[in-house]
Amino acid sequence: MIGDYLIDLANRLCYYRGAPILLTPKEFKVAALFFRHAGEILTREHLMAVIWGYGGSVVSRSLDTHVAKIRLKMKLRPENGVRLVSVYGHGYRMDVMGTQS
């Protein structure tokens, strides 16, 4: 659990303040990876390899599209205690604004 977010890996479900968040299987996989590595920069290459199985340097907007949908569906904003930021030239990082439990 991070802030008001609960990621149930066993059942592949996400909750915000107890309410379920409907994510596609791929969106769940991306979100779960960010929550497991909160505070760490995850490179685009690493994300593409883990989520889609791509090796090397792959140019794809699919990752950006999934990140945008996750931000919207999960309400990942500073006022909700968690934000997902792009780190120019590197990838993405999930920042936890409050305490992590």
N, C-alpha and C. Protein backbone atom coordinates (compact mmCIF):
# COMPACT_ATOMS: atom_id res chain seq x y z
N MET A 1 0.85 -1.19 0.00
CA MET A 1 0.00 0.00 0.00
C MET A 1 0.89 1.24 0.00
N ILE A 2 0.57 2.16 -0.86
CA ILE A 2 1.26 3.44 -0.91
C ILE A 2 0.18 4.51 -0.82
N GLY A 3 0.24 5.29 0.25
CA GLY A 3 -0.78 6.31 0.47
C GLY A 3 -2.16 5.67 0.50
N ASP A 4 -3.06 6.18 -0.31
CA ASP A 4 -4.43 5.66 -0.39
C ASP A 4 -4.59 4.61 -1.49
N TYR A 5 -3.46 4.18 -2.06
CA TYR A 5 -3.48 3.22 -3.16
C TYR A 5 -3.13 1.82 -2.66
N LEU A 6 -3.89 0.85 -3.13
CA LEU A 6 -3.62 -0.55 -2.83
C LEU A 6 -3.50 -1.30 -4.14
N ILE A 7 -2.38 -1.99 -4.32
CA ILE A 7 -2.17 -2.82 -5.50
C ILE A 7 -2.22 -4.27 -5.03
N ASP A 8 -3.23 -4.99 -5.47
CA ASP A 8 -3.41 -6.40 -5.11
C ASP A 8 -2.82 -7.24 -6.25
N LEU A 9 -1.55 -7.64 -6.07
CA LEU A 9 -0.86 -8.38 -7.12
C LEU A 9 -1.47 -9.75 -7.37
N ALA A 10 -1.91 -10.41 -6.31
CA ALA A 10 -2.47 -11.76 -6.45
C ALA A 10 -3.73 -11.77 -7.32
N ASN A 11 -4.57 -10.77 -7.14
CA ASN A 11 -5.83 -10.70 -7.89
C ASN A 11 -5.80 -9.71 -9.04
N ARG A 12 -4.63 -9.06 -9.23
CA ARG A 12 -4.43 -8.08 -10.31
C ARG A 12 -5.48 -6.97 -10.28
N LEU A 13 -5.65 -6.38 -9.08
CA LEU A 13 -6.61 -5.30 -8.89
C LEU A 13 -5.93 -4.11 -8.24
N CYS A 14 -6.44 -2.92 -8.57
CA CYS A 14 -5.97 -1.67 -7.96
C CYS A 14 -7.14 -0.98 -7.28
N TYR A 15 -6.83 -0.33 -6.16
CA TYR A 15 -7.85 0.42 -5.43
C TYR A 15 -7.30 1.78 -5.03
N TYR A 16 -8.16 2.77 -5.06
CA TYR A 16 -7.83 4.09 -4.54
C TYR A 16 -8.91 4.45 -3.53
N ARG A 17 -8.49 4.63 -2.28
CA ARG A 17 -9.40 4.90 -1.17
C ARG A 17 -10.54 3.87 -1.11
N GLY A 18 -10.18 2.63 -1.37
CA GLY A 18 -11.14 1.53 -1.30
C GLY A 18 -11.96 1.29 -2.55
N ALA A 19 -11.93 2.23 -3.48
CA ALA A 19 -12.71 2.08 -4.72
C ALA A 19 -11.85 1.40 -5.79
N PRO A 20 -12.40 0.41 -6.49
CA PRO A 20 -11.62 -0.27 -7.52
C PRO A 20 -11.33 0.65 -8.70
N ILE A 21 -10.16 0.46 -9.28
CA ILE A 21 -9.74 1.19 -10.48
C ILE A 21 -9.69 0.18 -11.61
N LEU A 22 -10.43 0.42 -12.67
CA LEU A 22 -10.47 -0.51 -13.79
C LEU A 22 -9.30 -0.26 -14.73
N LEU A 23 -8.39 -1.22 -14.78
CA LEU A 23 -7.23 -1.14 -15.66
C LEU A 23 -7.21 -2.35 -16.58
N THR A 24 -6.68 -2.17 -17.78
CA THR A 24 -6.47 -3.31 -18.67
C THR A 24 -5.33 -4.14 -18.08
N PRO A 25 -5.17 -5.39 -18.52
CA PRO A 25 -4.06 -6.20 -18.01
C PRO A 25 -2.69 -5.54 -18.20
N LYS A 26 -2.48 -4.91 -19.34
CA LYS A 26 -1.20 -4.25 -19.61
C LYS A 26 -1.03 -3.02 -18.72
N GLU A 27 -2.09 -2.24 -18.55
CA GLU A 27 -2.03 -1.07 -17.67
C GLU A 27 -1.72 -1.50 -16.24
N PHE A 28 -2.33 -2.61 -15.80
CA PHE A 28 -2.06 -3.10 -14.45
C PHE A 28 -0.59 -3.47 -14.31
N LYS A 29 -0.04 -4.14 -15.30
CA LYS A 29 1.36 -4.55 -15.26
C LYS A 29 2.29 -3.34 -15.15
N VAL A 30 2.00 -2.31 -15.93
CA VAL A 30 2.80 -1.08 -15.88
C VAL A 30 2.66 -0.41 -14.52
N ALA A 31 1.42 -0.25 -14.04
CA ALA A 31 1.17 0.40 -12.75
C ALA A 31 1.85 -0.36 -11.61
N ALA A 32 1.72 -1.68 -11.60
CA ALA A 32 2.32 -2.49 -10.54
C ALA A 32 3.83 -2.32 -10.52
N LEU A 33 4.44 -2.24 -11.68
CA LEU A 33 5.89 -2.05 -11.76
C LEU A 33 6.29 -0.71 -11.14
N PHE A 34 5.55 0.35 -11.45
CA PHE A 34 5.85 1.66 -10.86
C PHE A 34 5.66 1.65 -9.35
N PHE A 35 4.60 1.03 -8.86
CA PHE A 35 4.36 1.00 -7.42
C PHE A 35 5.43 0.17 -6.70
N ARG A 36 5.90 -0.92 -7.32
CA ARG A 36 6.95 -1.73 -6.70
C ARG A 36 8.28 -0.99 -6.64
N HIS A 37 8.47 -0.04 -7.56
CA HIS A 37 9.74 0.68 -7.65
C HIS A 37 9.54 2.18 -7.40
N ALA A 38 8.62 2.53 -6.51
CA ALA A 38 8.35 3.94 -6.20
C ALA A 38 9.64 4.63 -5.78
N GLY A 39 9.86 5.83 -6.33
CA GLY A 39 11.04 6.61 -6.02
C GLY A 39 12.23 6.33 -6.91
N GLU A 40 12.16 5.27 -7.70
CA GLU A 40 13.26 4.90 -8.59
C GLU A 40 12.94 5.33 -10.02
N ILE A 41 13.98 5.71 -10.77
CA ILE A 41 13.80 5.98 -12.19
C ILE A 41 13.80 4.65 -12.92
N LEU A 42 12.75 4.41 -13.68
CA LEU A 42 12.67 3.23 -14.53
C LEU A 42 12.87 3.69 -15.97
N THR A 43 13.92 3.19 -16.60
CA THR A 43 14.21 3.62 -17.97
C THR A 43 13.16 3.10 -18.93
N ARG A 44 13.03 3.80 -20.03
CA ARG A 44 12.09 3.38 -21.07
C ARG A 44 12.47 1.98 -21.57
N GLU A 45 13.78 1.74 -21.72
CA GLU A 45 14.24 0.45 -22.21
C GLU A 45 13.85 -0.67 -21.25
N HIS A 46 14.03 -0.43 -19.94
CA HIS A 46 13.67 -1.43 -18.94
C HIS A 46 12.16 -1.70 -18.98
N LEU A 47 11.37 -0.65 -19.01
CA LEU A 47 9.92 -0.80 -19.04
C LEU A 47 9.47 -1.56 -20.29
N MET A 48 10.03 -1.21 -21.44
CA MET A 48 9.66 -1.88 -22.68
C MET A 48 10.05 -3.36 -22.63
N ALA A 49 11.21 -3.67 -22.05
CA ALA A 49 11.66 -5.06 -21.96
C ALA A 49 10.78 -5.86 -21.01
N VAL A 50 10.47 -5.30 -19.85
CA VAL A 50 9.69 -6.03 -18.84
C VAL A 50 8.22 -6.17 -19.26
N ILE A 51 7.64 -5.11 -19.77
CA ILE A 51 6.20 -5.11 -20.08
C ILE A 51 5.90 -5.75 -21.44
N TRP A 52 6.69 -5.39 -22.45
CA TRP A 52 6.41 -5.86 -23.81
C TRP A 52 7.40 -6.90 -24.32
N GLY A 53 8.48 -7.12 -23.59
CA GLY A 53 9.47 -8.10 -24.01
C GLY A 53 10.41 -7.61 -25.11
N TYR A 54 10.46 -6.30 -25.32
CA TYR A 54 11.34 -5.74 -26.34
C TYR A 54 12.76 -5.64 -25.79
N GLY A 55 13.73 -5.92 -26.64
CA GLY A 55 15.13 -5.75 -26.26
C GLY A 55 15.72 -4.57 -27.01
N GLY A 56 16.79 -4.03 -26.48
CA GLY A 56 17.47 -2.93 -27.14
C GLY A 56 16.69 -1.63 -27.06
N SER A 57 17.03 -0.72 -27.93
CA SER A 57 16.40 0.60 -27.93
C SER A 57 15.23 0.60 -28.92
N VAL A 58 14.04 0.56 -28.39
CA VAL A 58 12.83 0.52 -29.21
C VAL A 58 12.11 1.86 -29.08
N VAL A 59 11.73 2.44 -30.20
CA VAL A 59 10.97 3.68 -30.18
C VAL A 59 9.50 3.30 -30.31
N SER A 60 8.74 3.60 -29.28
CA SER A 60 7.32 3.26 -29.30
C SER A 60 6.57 4.26 -28.44
N ARG A 61 5.42 4.67 -28.92
CA ARG A 61 4.56 5.57 -28.15
C ARG A 61 3.62 4.78 -27.25
N SER A 62 3.64 3.46 -27.37
CA SER A 62 2.76 2.62 -26.57
C SER A 62 2.98 2.84 -25.08
N LEU A 63 4.24 2.93 -24.66
CA LEU A 63 4.54 3.16 -23.25
C LEU A 63 3.96 4.50 -22.80
N ASP A 64 4.18 5.54 -23.58
CA ASP A 64 3.67 6.87 -23.22
C ASP A 64 2.15 6.88 -23.13
N THR A 65 1.50 6.16 -24.04
CA THR A 65 0.04 6.07 -24.03
C THR A 65 -0.44 5.37 -22.76
N HIS A 66 0.21 4.28 -22.39
CA HIS A 66 -0.17 3.55 -21.18
C HIS A 66 0.06 4.40 -19.93
N VAL A 67 1.18 5.11 -19.88
CA VAL A 67 1.46 5.98 -18.73
C VAL A 67 0.39 7.07 -18.62
N ALA A 68 0.02 7.67 -19.74
CA ALA A 68 -1.01 8.72 -19.71
C ALA A 68 -2.34 8.17 -19.20
N LYS A 69 -2.71 6.98 -19.65
CA LYS A 69 -3.97 6.37 -19.20
C LYS A 69 -3.92 6.02 -17.72
N ILE A 70 -2.78 5.53 -17.25
CA ILE A 70 -2.63 5.19 -15.83
C ILE A 70 -2.72 6.44 -14.97
N ARG A 71 -2.04 7.51 -15.39
CA ARG A 71 -2.12 8.78 -14.65
C ARG A 71 -3.57 9.22 -14.49
N LEU A 72 -4.32 9.12 -15.57
CA LEU A 72 -5.72 9.57 -15.57
C LEU A 72 -6.61 8.65 -14.74
N LYS A 73 -6.57 7.36 -15.02
CA LYS A 73 -7.45 6.41 -14.34
C LYS A 73 -7.16 6.31 -12.85
N MET A 74 -5.87 6.39 -12.47
CA MET A 74 -5.49 6.22 -11.07
C MET A 74 -5.41 7.54 -10.31
N LYS A 75 -5.64 8.65 -11.03
CA LYS A 75 -5.60 9.98 -10.41
C LYS A 75 -4.25 10.22 -9.72
N LEU A 76 -3.17 9.94 -10.45
CA LEU A 76 -1.82 10.09 -9.90
C LEU A 76 -1.41 11.55 -9.97
N ARG A 77 -1.78 12.28 -8.92
CA ARG A 77 -1.52 13.71 -8.83
C ARG A 77 -0.96 14.02 -7.44
N PRO A 78 -0.18 15.09 -7.32
CA PRO A 78 0.38 15.44 -6.01
C PRO A 78 -0.68 15.58 -4.92
N GLU A 79 -1.84 16.12 -5.25
CA GLU A 79 -2.88 16.30 -4.23
C GLU A 79 -3.43 14.96 -3.73
N ASN A 80 -3.15 13.88 -4.47
CA ASN A 80 -3.55 12.54 -4.04
C ASN A 80 -2.38 11.76 -3.44
N GLY A 81 -1.25 12.42 -3.30
CA GLY A 81 -0.10 11.83 -2.62
C GLY A 81 0.88 11.06 -3.48
N VAL A 82 0.55 10.87 -4.75
CA VAL A 82 1.43 10.11 -5.64
C VAL A 82 1.40 10.77 -7.01
N ARG A 83 2.56 10.89 -7.63
CA ARG A 83 2.58 11.40 -9.00
C ARG A 83 3.56 10.57 -9.82
N LEU A 84 3.28 10.47 -11.09
CA LEU A 84 4.12 9.74 -12.02
C LEU A 84 4.72 10.77 -12.96
N VAL A 85 6.05 10.94 -12.88
CA VAL A 85 6.71 12.00 -13.65
C VAL A 85 7.64 11.40 -14.69
N SER A 86 7.77 12.11 -15.80
CA SER A 86 8.75 11.71 -16.79
C SER A 86 10.08 12.37 -16.41
N VAL A 87 11.14 11.63 -16.57
CA VAL A 87 12.49 12.12 -16.29
C VAL A 87 13.18 12.22 -17.64
N TYR A 88 13.33 13.44 -18.12
CA TYR A 88 13.81 13.69 -19.48
C TYR A 88 15.09 12.91 -19.78
N GLY A 89 15.05 12.19 -20.89
CA GLY A 89 16.20 11.45 -21.35
C GLY A 89 16.44 10.12 -20.64
N HIS A 90 15.59 9.79 -19.66
CA HIS A 90 15.80 8.57 -18.90
C HIS A 90 14.57 7.66 -18.90
N GLY A 91 13.44 8.14 -18.41
CA GLY A 91 12.25 7.30 -18.31
C GLY A 91 11.21 7.94 -17.43
N TYR A 92 10.73 7.18 -16.45
CA TYR A 92 9.68 7.65 -15.55
C TYR A 92 10.02 7.31 -14.11
N ARG A 93 9.43 8.08 -13.19
CA ARG A 93 9.60 7.83 -11.75
C ARG A 93 8.28 8.12 -11.05
N MET A 94 7.91 7.23 -10.14
CA MET A 94 6.73 7.47 -9.31
C MET A 94 7.20 8.12 -8.02
N ASP A 95 6.70 9.31 -7.75
CA ASP A 95 7.03 10.04 -6.53
C ASP A 95 5.90 9.90 -5.53
N VAL A 96 6.27 9.56 -4.30
CA VAL A 96 5.30 9.48 -3.21
C VAL A 96 5.45 10.75 -2.39
N MET A 97 4.38 11.54 -2.32
CA MET A 97 4.45 12.84 -1.68
C MET A 97 4.43 12.74 -0.15
N GLY A 98 3.73 11.74 0.38
CA GLY A 98 3.64 11.58 1.83
C GLY A 98 4.46 10.38 2.27
N THR A 99 4.00 9.72 3.30
CA THR A 99 4.70 8.54 3.79
C THR A 99 4.21 7.30 3.07
N GLN A 100 5.07 6.33 3.01
CA GLN A 100 4.79 5.07 2.33
C GLN A 100 4.57 4.00 3.39
N SER A 101 3.51 3.19 3.26
CA SER A 101 3.27 2.12 4.23
C SER A 101 3.37 0.76 3.58
